Amino acid sequence: MLENLVATLKADPRKIVFTEGPDARILEAASRLKKDGILDSILVGNVDEVKAAAKAGGFDIEGLEIIDPATFDKMDEMVAKMVELRKGKMTEEQCRAALSKGNYFGTMLVKMGYADALLGGATYSTADTVRPALQIIKTKPGNKIVSSCFILVREGKDGQEEKYAMGDCAININPGEDDLVEIAIETARTAKAFGIDPKVAMLSYSTMGSGKGETVDMMKNATEKTKQAAPDLAVDGELQFDAAFSPVVAKTKCKGSPVAGQANTFIFPDINAGNIGYKIAQRLGGFEAYGPILQGLNAPINDLSRGCNADEVYQMAIITAGLK
């Protein structure tokens, strides 16, 4: 599933910063990425602690850069840059205190060009990874929100990979119509990076007016706005999941739809539906779930689950840097 991204990274070498350098899972993943020749890494943390943890775990990090915020020789420059970026919202003292922490320090390394991407969250909360990104990296021009998607993958009956994109399952609790437009367009872009030709279904408990309610109207209106914002994108809604997924049901409920019955990119009306939906697919459908993949930022930054293992760190590092 990651072959295309690995090929991209080997052809165009990039550097990723890990905000939790002494963590054994991070060290194992960084060691593997180095051994496999995929990514160069920066490990944030006390140099002695990082090296001791690597030695204890038997991880080869020889040649990888370790940067300690406490001894970083460009800290004054970094503080000044952050004060400028925060535009009066944080004092110099507050910026210096924030930059003593790996999450803010790592984000500024990306902003200042020391690294191309960042992966954090092995010990930080999602909020502690996303907040510095919003404050420092900020959203892309034309985007107002950060969103997320999961890529769901399993081996199909024909031996080929079966892949789907689902958003937003992790960040926006109750997105509005305009938020859903951004989520749909960004999720389609992420889907393309994974070799999915996006056919986007705006999901609901209603199909083309079969049900009534505020969220039905929201998904219907968001669909029309998405079509206007991205006229080349195959998108339709509002659609129930069975109509979006099953060709048989689609013929009955919405014959003639360019998406119904063949959708592979699913946009949920809120985080409840999205989070429940992807986990049902993961646990009952036997899919591997990659994510959450953050979308809409000016640089690739992603969040790990605090319960992640080294394999997940390795995979998410490739995904994060590969989406630059």
C-alpha atoms as a PDB file:
ATOM      1  CA  MET A   1       0.000   0.000   0.000  1.00  0.00           C
ATOM      2  CA  LEU A   2       2.920   2.328   0.652  1.00  0.00           C
ATOM      3  CA  GLU A   3       4.953   1.408  -2.422  1.00  0.00           C
ATOM      4  CA  ASN A   4       4.124   4.592  -4.355  1.00  0.00           C
ATOM      5  CA  LEU A   5       4.982   6.805  -1.384  1.00  0.00           C
ATOM      6  CA  VAL A   6       8.242   4.927  -0.747  1.00  0.00           C
ATOM      7  CA  ALA A   7       9.212   5.368  -4.407  1.00  0.00           C
ATOM      8  CA  THR A   8       8.441   9.093  -4.131  1.00  0.00           C
ATOM      9  CA  LEU A   9      10.616   9.449  -1.033  1.00  0.00           C
ATOM     10  CA  LYS A  10      13.530   7.547  -2.533  1.00  0.00           C
ATOM     11  CA  ALA A  11      13.394   9.717  -5.653  1.00  0.00           C
ATOM     12  CA  ASP A  12      13.003  12.937  -3.654  1.00  0.00           C
ATOM     13  CA  PRO A  13      14.753  12.547  -0.266  1.00  0.00           C
ATOM     14  CA  ARG A  14      13.009  14.261   2.636  1.00  0.00           C
ATOM     15  CA  LYS A  15      13.573  14.737   6.340  1.00  0.00           C
ATOM     16  CA  ILE A  16      11.007  14.168   9.090  1.00  0.00           C
ATOM     17  CA  VAL A  17      11.155  15.413  12.665  1.00  0.00           C
ATOM     18  CA  PHE A  18       9.952  13.207  15.498  1.00  0.00           C
ATOM     19  CA  THR A  19       8.909  15.264  18.517  1.00  0.00           C
ATOM     20  CA  GLU A  20       9.472  12.444  21.025  1.00  0.00           C
ATOM     21  CA  GLY A  21      13.033  11.321  20.330  1.00  0.00           C
ATOM     22  CA  PRO A  22      13.664   9.124  23.406  1.00  0.00           C
ATOM     23  CA  ASP A  23      10.528   7.016  22.867  1.00  0.00           C
ATOM     24  CA  ALA A  24      11.445   3.414  21.979  1.00  0.00           C
ATOM     25  CA  ARG A  25       8.754   3.190  19.300  1.00  0.00           C
ATOM     26  CA  ILE A  26      10.073   6.312  17.606  1.00  0.00           C
ATOM     27  CA  LEU A  27      13.651   5.064  17.797  1.00  0.00           C
ATOM     28  CA  GLU A  28      12.766   1.694  16.297  1.00  0.00           C
ATOM     29  CA  ALA A  29      10.870   3.318  13.429  1.00  0.00           C
ATOM     30  CA  ALA A  30      13.600   5.900  12.767  1.00  0.00           C
ATOM     31  CA  SER A  31      16.207   3.124  12.749  1.00  0.00           C
ATOM     32  CA  ARG A  32      14.180   1.122  10.201  1.00  0.00           C
ATOM     33  CA  LEU A  33      13.588   4.169   7.997  1.00  0.00           C
ATOM     34  CA  LYS A  34      17.337   4.800   7.972  1.00  0.00           C
ATOM     35  CA  LYS A  35      18.194   1.150   7.274  1.00  0.00           C
ATOM     36  CA  ASP A  36      15.648   0.979   4.435  1.00  0.00           C
ATOM     37  CA  GLY A  37      16.937   4.216   2.911  1.00  0.00           C
ATOM     38  CA  ILE A  38      13.505   5.830   2.925  1.00  0.00           C
ATOM     39  CA  LEU A  39      13.717   8.840   5.224  1.00  0.00           C
ATOM     40  CA  ASP A  40      16.210  10.878   7.172  1.00  0.00           C
ATOM     41  CA  SER A  41      15.053  11.767  10.671  1.00  0.00           C
ATOM     42  CA  ILE A  42      15.545  14.437  13.295  1.00  0.00           C
ATOM     43  CA  LEU A  43      14.989  13.224  16.844  1.00  0.00           C
ATOM     44  CA  VAL A  44      13.973  15.909  19.344  1.00  0.00           C
ATOM     45  CA  GLY A  45      15.208  15.378  22.891  1.00  0.00           C
ATOM     46  CA  ASN A  46      18.179  15.335  25.232  1.00  0.00           C
ATOM     47  CA  VAL A  47      21.074  13.828  23.301  1.00  0.00           C
ATOM     48  CA  ASP A  48      22.257  11.570  26.113  1.00  0.00           C
ATOM     49  CA  GLU A  49      18.711  10.341  26.836  1.00  0.00           C
ATOM     50  CA  VAL A  50      18.028   9.589  23.168  1.00  0.00           C
ATOM     51  CA  LYS A  51      21.305   7.716  22.718  1.00  0.00           C
ATOM     52  CA  ALA A  52      20.810   5.778  25.963  1.00  0.00           C
ATOM     53  CA  ALA A  53      17.292   4.763  24.948  1.00  0.00           C
ATOM     54  CA  ALA A  54      18.531   3.678  21.502  1.00  0.00           C
ATOM     55  CA  LYS A  55      21.331   1.625  23.061  1.00  0.00           C
ATOM     56  CA  ALA A  56      18.938  -0.006  25.516  1.00  0.00           C
ATOM     57  CA  GLY A  57      16.603  -1.004  22.688  1.00  0.00           C
ATOM     58  CA  GLY A  58      19.351  -2.043  20.281  1.00  0.00           C
ATOM     59  CA  PHE A  59      18.324   0.564  17.688  1.00  0.00           C
ATOM     60  CA  ASP A  60      20.907   1.874  15.232  1.00  0.00           C
ATOM     61  CA  ILE A  61      20.494   5.643  15.000  1.00  0.00           C
ATOM     62  CA  GLU A  62      24.083   6.372  13.988  1.00  0.00           C
ATOM     63  CA  GLY A  63      24.094   9.406  11.696  1.00  0.00           C
ATOM     64  CA  LEU A  64      20.619  10.616  12.658  1.00  0.00           C
ATOM     65  CA  GLU A  65      20.387  14.179  13.894  1.00  0.00           C
ATOM     66  CA  ILE A  66      19.397  14.689  17.533  1.00  0.00           C
ATOM     67  CA  ILE A  67      18.407  18.215  18.563  1.00  0.00           C
ATOM     68  CA  ASP A  68      17.846  19.267  22.150  1.00  0.00           C
ATOM     69  CA  PRO A  69      15.737  22.435  22.551  1.00  0.00           C
ATOM     70  CA  ALA A  70      17.739  23.264  25.688  1.00  0.00           C
ATOM     71  CA  THR A  71      21.011  23.543  23.743  1.00  0.00           C
ATOM     72  CA  PHE A  72      19.812  24.544  20.266  1.00  0.00           C
ATOM     73  CA  ASP A  73      22.169  27.256  19.018  1.00  0.00           C
ATOM     74  CA  LYS A  74      19.499  29.032  16.958  1.00  0.00           C
ATOM     75  CA  MET A  75      16.945  29.250  19.774  1.00  0.00           C
ATOM     76  CA  ASP A  76      16.972  33.074  19.909  1.00  0.00           C
ATOM     77  CA  GLU A  77      16.270  33.180  16.176  1.00  0.00           C
ATOM     78  CA  MET A  78      13.518  30.611  16.609  1.00  0.00           C
ATOM     79  CA  VAL A  79      11.915  32.553  19.457  1.00  0.00           C
ATOM     80  CA  ALA A  80      11.949  35.768  17.419  1.00  0.00           C
ATOM     81  CA  LYS A  81      10.348  33.969  14.490  1.00  0.00           C
ATOM     82  CA  MET A  82       7.602  32.542  16.669  1.00  0.00           C
ATOM     83  CA  VAL A  83       6.886  35.926  18.264  1.00  0.00           C
ATOM     84  CA  GLU A  84       6.491  37.317  14.749  1.00  0.00           C
ATOM     85  CA  LEU A  85       4.179  34.474  13.716  1.00  0.00           C
ATOM     86  CA  ARG A  86       1.995  34.801  16.801  1.00  0.00           C
ATOM     87  CA  LYS A  87       1.532  38.558  16.168  1.00  0.00           C
ATOM     88  CA  GLY A  88       1.054  39.722  19.718  1.00  0.00           C
ATOM     89  CA  LYS A  89      -0.812  36.621  20.895  1.00  0.00           C
ATOM     90  CA  MET A  90       2.237  35.287  22.763  1.00  0.00           C
ATOM     91  CA  THR A  91       5.043  37.173  24.478  1.00  0.00           C
ATOM     92  CA  GLU A  92       8.718  36.389  23.974  1.00  0.00           C
ATOM     93  CA  GLU A  93       8.773  34.597  27.325  1.00  0.00           C
ATOM     94  CA  GLN A  94       5.719  32.519  26.421  1.00  0.00           C
ATOM     95  CA  CYS A  95       7.221  31.573  23.053  1.00  0.00           C
ATOM     96  CA  ARG A  96      10.507  30.565  24.668  1.00  0.00           C
ATOM     97  CA  ALA A  97       8.654  28.421  27.210  1.00  0.00           C
ATOM     98  CA  ALA A  98       6.579  26.768  24.468  1.00  0.00           C
ATOM     99  CA  LEU A  99       9.673  26.061  22.378  1.00  0.00           C
ATOM    100  CA  SER A 100      11.257  24.185  25.254  1.00  0.00           C
ATOM    101  CA  LYS A 101       8.693  21.462  24.513  1.00  0.00           C
ATOM    102  CA  GLY A 102       9.157  18.998  21.684  1.00  0.00           C
ATOM    103  CA  ASN A 103       5.809  19.637  20.010  1.00  0.00           C
ATOM    104  CA  TYR A 104       6.355  23.385  19.499  1.00  0.00           C
ATOM    105  CA  PHE A 105      10.083  23.027  18.875  1.00  0.00           C
ATOM    106  CA  GLY A 106       9.559  20.353  16.215  1.00  0.00           C
ATOM    107  CA  THR A 107       6.866  22.399  14.497  1.00  0.00           C
ATOM    108  CA  MET A 108       9.204  25.387  14.301  1.00  0.00           C
ATOM    109  CA  LEU A 109      11.915  23.170  12.812  1.00  0.00           C
ATOM    110  CA  VAL A 110       9.504  22.481   9.956  1.00  0.00           C
ATOM    111  CA  LYS A 111       8.534  26.157   9.650  1.00  0.00           C
ATOM    112  CA  MET A 112      12.186  27.213   9.477  1.00  0.00           C
ATOM    113  CA  GLY A 113      13.076  24.579   6.882  1.00  0.00           C
ATOM    114  CA  TYR A 114      15.161  22.212   9.003  1.00  0.00           C
ATOM    115  CA  ALA A 115      12.678  19.416   8.242  1.00  0.00           C
ATOM    116  CA  ASP A 116      10.030  18.756   5.605  1.00  0.00           C
ATOM    117  CA  ALA A 117       7.456  17.049   7.821  1.00  0.00           C
ATOM    118  CA  LEU A 118       6.598  16.252  11.438  1.00  0.00           C
ATOM    119  CA  LEU A 119       5.165  13.259  13.244  1.00  0.00           C
ATOM    120  CA  GLY A 120       4.180  13.491  16.892  1.00  0.00           C
ATOM    121  CA  GLY A 121       1.669  12.194  19.391  1.00  0.00           C
ATOM    122  CA  ALA A 122       3.345   9.075  20.761  1.00  0.00           C
ATOM    123  CA  THR A 123       3.107  10.771  24.151  1.00  0.00           C
ATOM    124  CA  TYR A 124       1.355  14.045  23.260  1.00  0.00           C
ATOM    125  CA  SER A 125      -2.405  14.389  22.842  1.00  0.00           C
ATOM    126  CA  THR A 126      -3.900  15.139  19.416  1.00  0.00           C
ATOM    127  CA  ALA A 127      -4.611  18.690  20.577  1.00  0.00           C
ATOM    128  CA  ASP A 128      -0.970  19.150  21.570  1.00  0.00           C
ATOM    129  CA  THR A 129       0.113  18.155  18.066  1.00  0.00           C
ATOM    130  CA  VAL A 130      -2.534  20.086  16.144  1.00  0.00           C
ATOM    131  CA  ARG A 131      -2.388  23.317  18.185  1.00  0.00           C
ATOM    132  CA  PRO A 132       1.239  24.209  17.320  1.00  0.00           C
ATOM    133  CA  ALA A 133       0.559  23.309  13.693  1.00  0.00           C
ATOM    134  CA  LEU A 134      -2.393  25.710  13.549  1.00  0.00           C
ATOM    135  CA  GLN A 135      -0.475  28.479  15.303  1.00  0.00           C
ATOM    136  CA  ILE A 136       2.791  28.136  13.388  1.00  0.00           C
ATOM    137  CA  ILE A 137       2.321  26.224  10.113  1.00  0.00           C
ATOM    138  CA  LYS A 138      -1.274  27.405   9.598  1.00  0.00           C
ATOM    139  CA  THR A 139      -3.755  26.324   6.948  1.00  0.00           C
ATOM    140  CA  LYS A 140      -3.133  26.419   3.209  1.00  0.00           C
ATOM    141  CA  PRO A 141      -4.382  29.438   1.241  1.00  0.00           C
ATOM    142  CA  GLY A 142      -8.119  29.046   0.706  1.00  0.00           C
ATOM    143  CA  ASN A 143      -8.499  26.617   3.604  1.00  0.00           C
ATOM    144  CA  LYS A 144     -10.061  27.608   6.907  1.00  0.00           C
ATOM    145  CA  ILE A 145      -9.880  24.315   8.799  1.00  0.00           C
ATOM    146  CA  VAL A 146      -7.660  21.333   9.421  1.00  0.00           C
ATOM    147  CA  SER A 147      -9.432  18.057   8.772  1.00  0.00           C
ATOM    148  CA  SER A 148      -8.515  14.392   8.724  1.00  0.00           C
ATOM    149  CA  CYS A 149      -9.105  11.196   6.846  1.00  0.00           C
ATOM    150  CA  PHE A 150      -8.354   7.505   7.195  1.00  0.00           C
ATOM    151  CA  ILE A 151      -7.267   5.246   4.364  1.00  0.00           C
ATOM    152  CA  LEU A 152      -8.842   1.798   4.711  1.00  0.00           C
ATOM    153  CA  VAL A 153      -7.033  -1.076   2.989  1.00  0.00           C
ATOM    154  CA  ARG A 154      -7.532  -4.838   2.702  1.00  0.00           C
ATOM    155  CA  GLU A 155      -6.750  -7.551   0.178  1.00  0.00           C
ATOM    156  CA  GLY A 156      -9.650  -8.042  -2.221  1.00  0.00           C
ATOM    157  CA  LYS A 157     -11.052 -11.343  -3.450  1.00  0.00           C
ATOM    158  CA  ASP A 158      -9.076 -10.950  -6.685  1.00  0.00           C
ATOM    159  CA  GLY A 159      -5.836 -10.462  -4.770  1.00  0.00           C
ATOM    160  CA  GLN A 160      -5.771  -6.745  -5.498  1.00  0.00           C
ATOM    161  CA  GLU A 161      -5.804  -4.111  -2.766  1.00  0.00           C
ATOM    162  CA  GLU A 162      -9.212  -2.720  -1.894  1.00  0.00           C
ATOM    163  CA  LYS A 163      -8.793   0.913  -0.787  1.00  0.00           C
ATOM    164  CA  TYR A 164     -11.162   3.595   0.501  1.00  0.00           C
ATOM    165  CA  ALA A 165     -10.820   7.076   1.997  1.00  0.00           C
ATOM    166  CA  MET A 166     -13.017   8.257   4.875  1.00  0.00           C
ATOM    167  CA  GLY A 167     -13.240  11.769   6.330  1.00  0.00           C
ATOM    168  CA  ASP A 168     -13.490  13.477   8.739  1.00  0.00           C
ATOM    169  CA  CYS A 169     -13.233  10.842  11.454  1.00  0.00           C
ATOM    170  CA  ALA A 170     -10.973  12.527  14.004  1.00  0.00           C
ATOM    171  CA  ILE A 171     -10.847  16.342  14.058  1.00  0.00           C
ATOM    172  CA  ASN A 172     -14.033  18.305  13.313  1.00  0.00           C
ATOM    173  CA  ILE A 173     -16.858  17.422  15.690  1.00  0.00           C
ATOM    174  CA  ASN A 174     -19.774  19.150  13.963  1.00  0.00           C
ATOM    175  CA  PRO A 175     -18.617  20.528  10.614  1.00  0.00           C
ATOM    176  CA  GLY A 176     -20.784  23.040   8.781  1.00  0.00           C
ATOM    177  CA  GLU A 177     -21.566  23.052   5.063  1.00  0.00           C
ATOM    178  CA  ASP A 178     -18.434  24.986   4.094  1.00  0.00           C
ATOM    179  CA  ASP A 179     -16.295  22.805   6.357  1.00  0.00           C
ATOM    180  CA  LEU A 180     -17.671  19.715   4.606  1.00  0.00           C
ATOM    181  CA  VAL A 181     -16.694  21.179   1.234  1.00  0.00           C
ATOM    182  CA  GLU A 182     -13.083  21.527   2.424  1.00  0.00           C
ATOM    183  CA  ILE A 183     -13.161  18.052   3.954  1.00  0.00           C
ATOM    184  CA  ALA A 184     -14.462  16.531   0.720  1.00  0.00           C
ATOM    185  CA  ILE A 185     -11.898  18.245  -1.513  1.00  0.00           C
ATOM    186  CA  GLU A 186      -8.947  17.559   0.808  1.00  0.00           C
ATOM    187  CA  THR A 187      -9.960  13.928   1.344  1.00  0.00           C
ATOM    188  CA  ALA A 188     -10.171  13.458  -2.416  1.00  0.00           C
ATOM    189  CA  ARG A 189      -6.633  14.856  -2.739  1.00  0.00           C
ATOM    190  CA  THR A 190      -5.366  12.490  -0.075  1.00  0.00           C
ATOM    191  CA  ALA A 191      -7.133   9.590  -1.788  1.00  0.00           C
ATOM    192  CA  LYS A 192      -5.306  10.390  -5.040  1.00  0.00           C
ATOM    193  CA  ALA A 193      -1.955  10.233  -3.233  1.00  0.00           C
ATOM    194  CA  PHE A 194      -2.781   6.628  -2.329  1.00  0.00           C
ATOM    195  CA  GLY A 195      -3.707   5.671  -5.872  1.00  0.00           C
ATOM    196  CA  ILE A 196      -7.466   6.032  -5.396  1.00  0.00           C
ATOM    197  CA  ASP A 197      -9.388   7.718  -8.216  1.00  0.00           C
ATOM    198  CA  PRO A 198     -11.799   9.582  -5.927  1.00  0.00           C
ATOM    199  CA  LYS A 199     -15.530   9.137  -6.324  1.00  0.00           C
ATOM    200  CA  VAL A 200     -16.909  11.081  -3.397  1.00  0.00           C
ATOM    201  CA  ALA A 201     -20.125  10.233  -1.563  1.00  0.00           C
ATOM    202  CA  MET A 202     -21.576  12.777   0.862  1.00  0.00           C
ATOM    203  CA  LEU A 203     -23.153  10.416   3.366  1.00  0.00           C
ATOM    204  CA  SER A 204     -26.461  10.719   5.191  1.00  0.00           C
ATOM    205  CA  TYR A 205     -29.372   8.674   6.489  1.00  0.00           C
ATOM    206  CA  SER A 206     -31.186   9.932   3.394  1.00  0.00           C
ATOM    207  CA  THR A 207     -30.693   9.342  -0.336  1.00  0.00           C
ATOM    208  CA  MET A 208     -31.656  12.179  -2.647  1.00  0.00           C
ATOM    209  CA  GLY A 209     -34.394  13.524  -0.427  1.00  0.00           C
ATOM    210  CA  SER A 210     -35.798  10.233   0.867  1.00  0.00           C
ATOM    211  CA  GLY A 211     -35.422  11.557   4.423  1.00  0.00           C
ATOM    212  CA  LYS A 212     -35.847  14.944   6.034  1.00  0.00           C
ATOM    213  CA  GLY A 213     -33.811  16.850   8.587  1.00  0.00           C
ATOM    214  CA  GLU A 214     -31.189  19.533   9.130  1.00  0.00           C
ATOM    215  CA  THR A 215     -28.239  17.240   8.479  1.00  0.00           C
ATOM    216  CA  VAL A 216     -29.875  15.975   5.280  1.00  0.00           C
ATOM    217  CA  ASP A 217     -30.132  19.551   4.025  1.00  0.00           C
ATOM    218  CA  MET A 218     -26.560  20.197   5.163  1.00  0.00           C
ATOM    219  CA  MET A 219     -25.149  17.266   3.183  1.00  0.00           C
ATOM    220  CA  LYS A 220     -27.242  18.144   0.136  1.00  0.00           C
ATOM    221  CA  ASN A 221     -26.090  21.775   0.204  1.00  0.00           C
ATOM    222  CA  ALA A 222     -22.486  20.770   0.861  1.00  0.00           C
ATOM    223  CA  THR A 223     -22.628  18.506  -2.188  1.00  0.00           C
ATOM    224  CA  GLU A 224     -23.748  21.357  -4.428  1.00  0.00           C
ATOM    225  CA  LYS A 225     -21.069  23.669  -3.028  1.00  0.00           C
ATOM    226  CA  THR A 226     -18.402  20.998  -3.563  1.00  0.00           C
ATOM    227  CA  LYS A 227     -19.474  20.579  -7.188  1.00  0.00           C
ATOM    228  CA  GLN A 228     -19.114  24.330  -7.685  1.00  0.00           C
ATOM    229  CA  ALA A 229     -15.745  24.513  -5.902  1.00  0.00           C
ATOM    230  CA  ALA A 230     -14.300  21.430  -7.620  1.00  0.00           C
ATOM    231  CA  PRO A 231     -16.167  20.906 -10.912  1.00  0.00           C
ATOM    232  CA  ASP A 232     -13.800  18.149 -12.054  1.00  0.00           C
ATOM    233  CA  LEU A 233     -14.382  16.067  -8.913  1.00  0.00           C
ATOM    234  CA  ALA A 234     -16.846  13.159  -9.073  1.00  0.00           C
ATOM    235  CA  VAL A 235     -19.090  13.869  -6.070  1.00  0.00           C
ATOM    236  CA  ASP A 236     -22.746  13.224  -5.280  1.00  0.00           C
ATOM    237  CA  GLY A 237     -25.113  13.305  -2.344  1.00  0.00           C
ATOM    238  CA  GLU A 238     -26.805  13.129  -0.110  1.00  0.00           C
ATOM    239  CA  LEU A 239     -26.418   9.332  -0.178  1.00  0.00           C
ATOM    240  CA  GLN A 240     -26.979   6.518   2.275  1.00  0.00           C
ATOM    241  CA  PHE A 241     -23.978   4.234   2.520  1.00  0.00           C
ATOM    242  CA  ASP A 242     -25.701   1.317   0.778  1.00  0.00           C
ATOM    243  CA  ALA A 243     -26.636   3.524  -2.171  1.00  0.00           C
ATOM    244  CA  ALA A 244     -23.107   4.906  -2.323  1.00  0.00           C
ATOM    245  CA  PHE A 245     -21.449   1.506  -2.162  1.00  0.00           C
ATOM    246  CA  SER A 246     -23.718  -1.094  -3.760  1.00  0.00           C
ATOM    247  CA  PRO A 247     -24.390  -0.960  -7.532  1.00  0.00           C
ATOM    248  CA  VAL A 248     -27.585  -2.954  -6.986  1.00  0.00           C
ATOM    249  CA  VAL A 249     -28.965  -0.537  -4.406  1.00  0.00           C
ATOM    250  CA  ALA A 250     -27.831   2.447  -6.462  1.00  0.00           C
ATOM    251  CA  LYS A 251     -29.915   1.314  -9.423  1.00  0.00           C
ATOM    252  CA  THR A 252     -32.978   1.353  -7.211  1.00  0.00           C
ATOM    253  CA  LYS A 253     -32.357   4.483  -5.164  1.00  0.00           C
ATOM    254  CA  CYS A 254     -30.471   6.851  -7.478  1.00  0.00           C
ATOM    255  CA  LYS A 255     -30.090   5.541 -11.005  1.00  0.00           C
ATOM    256  CA  GLY A 256     -27.896   7.757 -13.151  1.00  0.00           C
ATOM    257  CA  SER A 257     -25.702   9.075 -10.341  1.00  0.00           C
ATOM    258  CA  PRO A 258     -22.026   9.390 -11.366  1.00  0.00           C
ATOM    259  CA  VAL A 259     -20.951   8.197  -7.919  1.00  0.00           C
ATOM    260  CA  ALA A 260     -23.646   5.995  -6.379  1.00  0.00           C
ATOM    261  CA  GLY A 261     -22.748   2.315  -6.394  1.00  0.00           C
ATOM    262  CA  GLN A 262     -19.063   2.989  -7.037  1.00  0.00           C
ATOM    263  CA  ALA A 263     -18.026   5.459  -4.328  1.00  0.00           C
ATOM    264  CA  ASN A 264     -14.597   5.001  -2.761  1.00  0.00           C
ATOM    265  CA  THR A 265     -14.259   8.268  -0.826  1.00  0.00           C
ATOM    266  CA  PHE A 266     -16.810   8.766   1.939  1.00  0.00           C
ATOM    267  CA  ILE A 267     -17.565  12.053   3.710  1.00  0.00           C
ATOM    268  CA  PHE A 268     -19.442  11.765   6.988  1.00  0.00           C
ATOM    269  CA  PRO A 269     -21.772  14.442   8.401  1.00  0.00           C
ATOM    270  CA  ASP A 270     -20.025  14.570  11.788  1.00  0.00           C
ATOM    271  CA  ILE A 271     -17.282  12.991  13.859  1.00  0.00           C
ATOM    272  CA  ASN A 272     -19.670  10.540  15.545  1.00  0.00           C
ATOM    273  CA  ALA A 273     -20.625   8.943  12.251  1.00  0.00           C
ATOM    274  CA  GLY A 274     -17.098   9.088  10.879  1.00  0.00           C
ATOM    275  CA  ASN A 275     -15.332   7.615  13.875  1.00  0.00           C
ATOM    276  CA  ILE A 276     -17.895   4.846  14.281  1.00  0.00           C
ATOM    277  CA  GLY A 277     -17.925   4.151  10.549  1.00  0.00           C
ATOM    278  CA  TYR A 278     -14.211   3.664  10.028  1.00  0.00           C
ATOM    279  CA  LYS A 279     -13.895   1.525  13.153  1.00  0.00           C
ATOM    280  CA  ILE A 280     -16.729  -0.746  11.998  1.00  0.00           C
ATOM    281  CA  ALA A 281     -14.909  -1.177   8.685  1.00  0.00           C
ATOM    282  CA  GLN A 282     -11.649  -1.841  10.528  1.00  0.00           C
ATOM    283  CA  ARG A 283     -12.966  -4.348  13.068  1.00  0.00           C
ATOM    284  CA  LEU A 284     -15.765  -6.110  11.182  1.00  0.00           C
ATOM    285  CA  GLY A 285     -14.495  -5.642   7.638  1.00  0.00           C
ATOM    286  CA  GLY A 286     -10.909  -6.647   8.266  1.00  0.00           C
ATOM    287  CA  PHE A 287      -9.465  -3.397   6.929  1.00  0.00           C
ATOM    288  CA  GLU A 288      -6.169  -1.874   7.975  1.00  0.00           C
ATOM    289  CA  ALA A 289      -6.802   1.754   8.935  1.00  0.00           C
ATOM    290  CA  TYR A 290      -4.050   4.288   8.187  1.00  0.00           C
ATOM    291  CA  GLY A 291      -4.472   7.609   9.944  1.00  0.00           C
ATOM    292  CA  PRO A 292      -5.704   9.977  11.050  1.00  0.00           C
ATOM    293  CA  ILE A 293      -4.009  11.845   8.211  1.00  0.00           C
ATOM    294  CA  LEU A 294      -4.208  15.598   8.791  1.00  0.00           C
ATOM    295  CA  GLN A 295      -5.291  17.721   5.834  1.00  0.00           C
ATOM    296  CA  GLY A 296      -5.336  21.414   4.975  1.00  0.00           C
ATOM    297  CA  LEU A 297      -2.022  22.490   6.555  1.00  0.00           C
ATOM    298  CA  ASN A 298       0.823  24.308   4.805  1.00  0.00           C
ATOM    299  CA  ALA A 299       3.201  21.440   5.652  1.00  0.00           C
ATOM    300  CA  PRO A 300       2.698  17.724   6.331  1.00  0.00           C
ATOM    301  CA  ILE A 301       2.155  17.167  10.046  1.00  0.00           C
ATOM    302  CA  ASN A 302       0.498  14.115  11.542  1.00  0.00           C
ATOM    303  CA  ASP A 303      -0.596  12.781  14.879  1.00  0.00           C
ATOM    304  CA  LEU A 304       0.031   9.327  16.296  1.00  0.00           C
ATOM    305  CA  SER A 305      -2.153   7.444  18.711  1.00  0.00           C
ATOM    306  CA  ARG A 306      -0.541   7.237  22.152  1.00  0.00           C
ATOM    307  CA  GLY A 307      -1.164   3.490  21.918  1.00  0.00           C
ATOM    308  CA  CYS A 308       0.764   3.178  18.639  1.00  0.00           C
ATOM    309  CA  ASN A 309       3.468   0.619  17.984  1.00  0.00           C
ATOM    310  CA  ALA A 310       6.710   0.971  16.018  1.00  0.00           C
ATOM    311  CA  ASP A 311       5.131  -0.409  12.829  1.00  0.00           C
ATOM    312  CA  GLU A 312       2.466   2.291  12.932  1.00  0.00           C
ATOM    313  CA  VAL A 313       5.103   4.970  13.496  1.00  0.00           C
ATOM    314  CA  TYR A 314       7.092   3.641  10.524  1.00  0.00           C
ATOM    315  CA  GLN A 315       4.011   3.631   8.273  1.00  0.00           C
ATOM    316  CA  MET A 316       2.778   7.062   9.366  1.00  0.00           C
ATOM    317  CA  ALA A 317       6.237   8.569   8.863  1.00  0.00           C
ATOM    318  CA  ILE A 318       6.208   7.389   5.238  1.00  0.00           C
ATOM    319  CA  ILE A 319       2.658   8.658   4.742  1.00  0.00           C
ATOM    320  CA  THR A 320       3.401  12.017   6.335  1.00  0.00           C
ATOM    321  CA  ALA A 321       6.604  12.763   4.422  1.00  0.00           C
ATOM    322  CA  GLY A 322       5.189  11.259   1.225  1.00  0.00           C
ATOM    323  CA  LEU A 323       2.274  13.697   1.208  1.00  0.00           C
ATOM    324  CA  LYS A 324       4.520  16.783   1.107  1.00  0.00           C
END
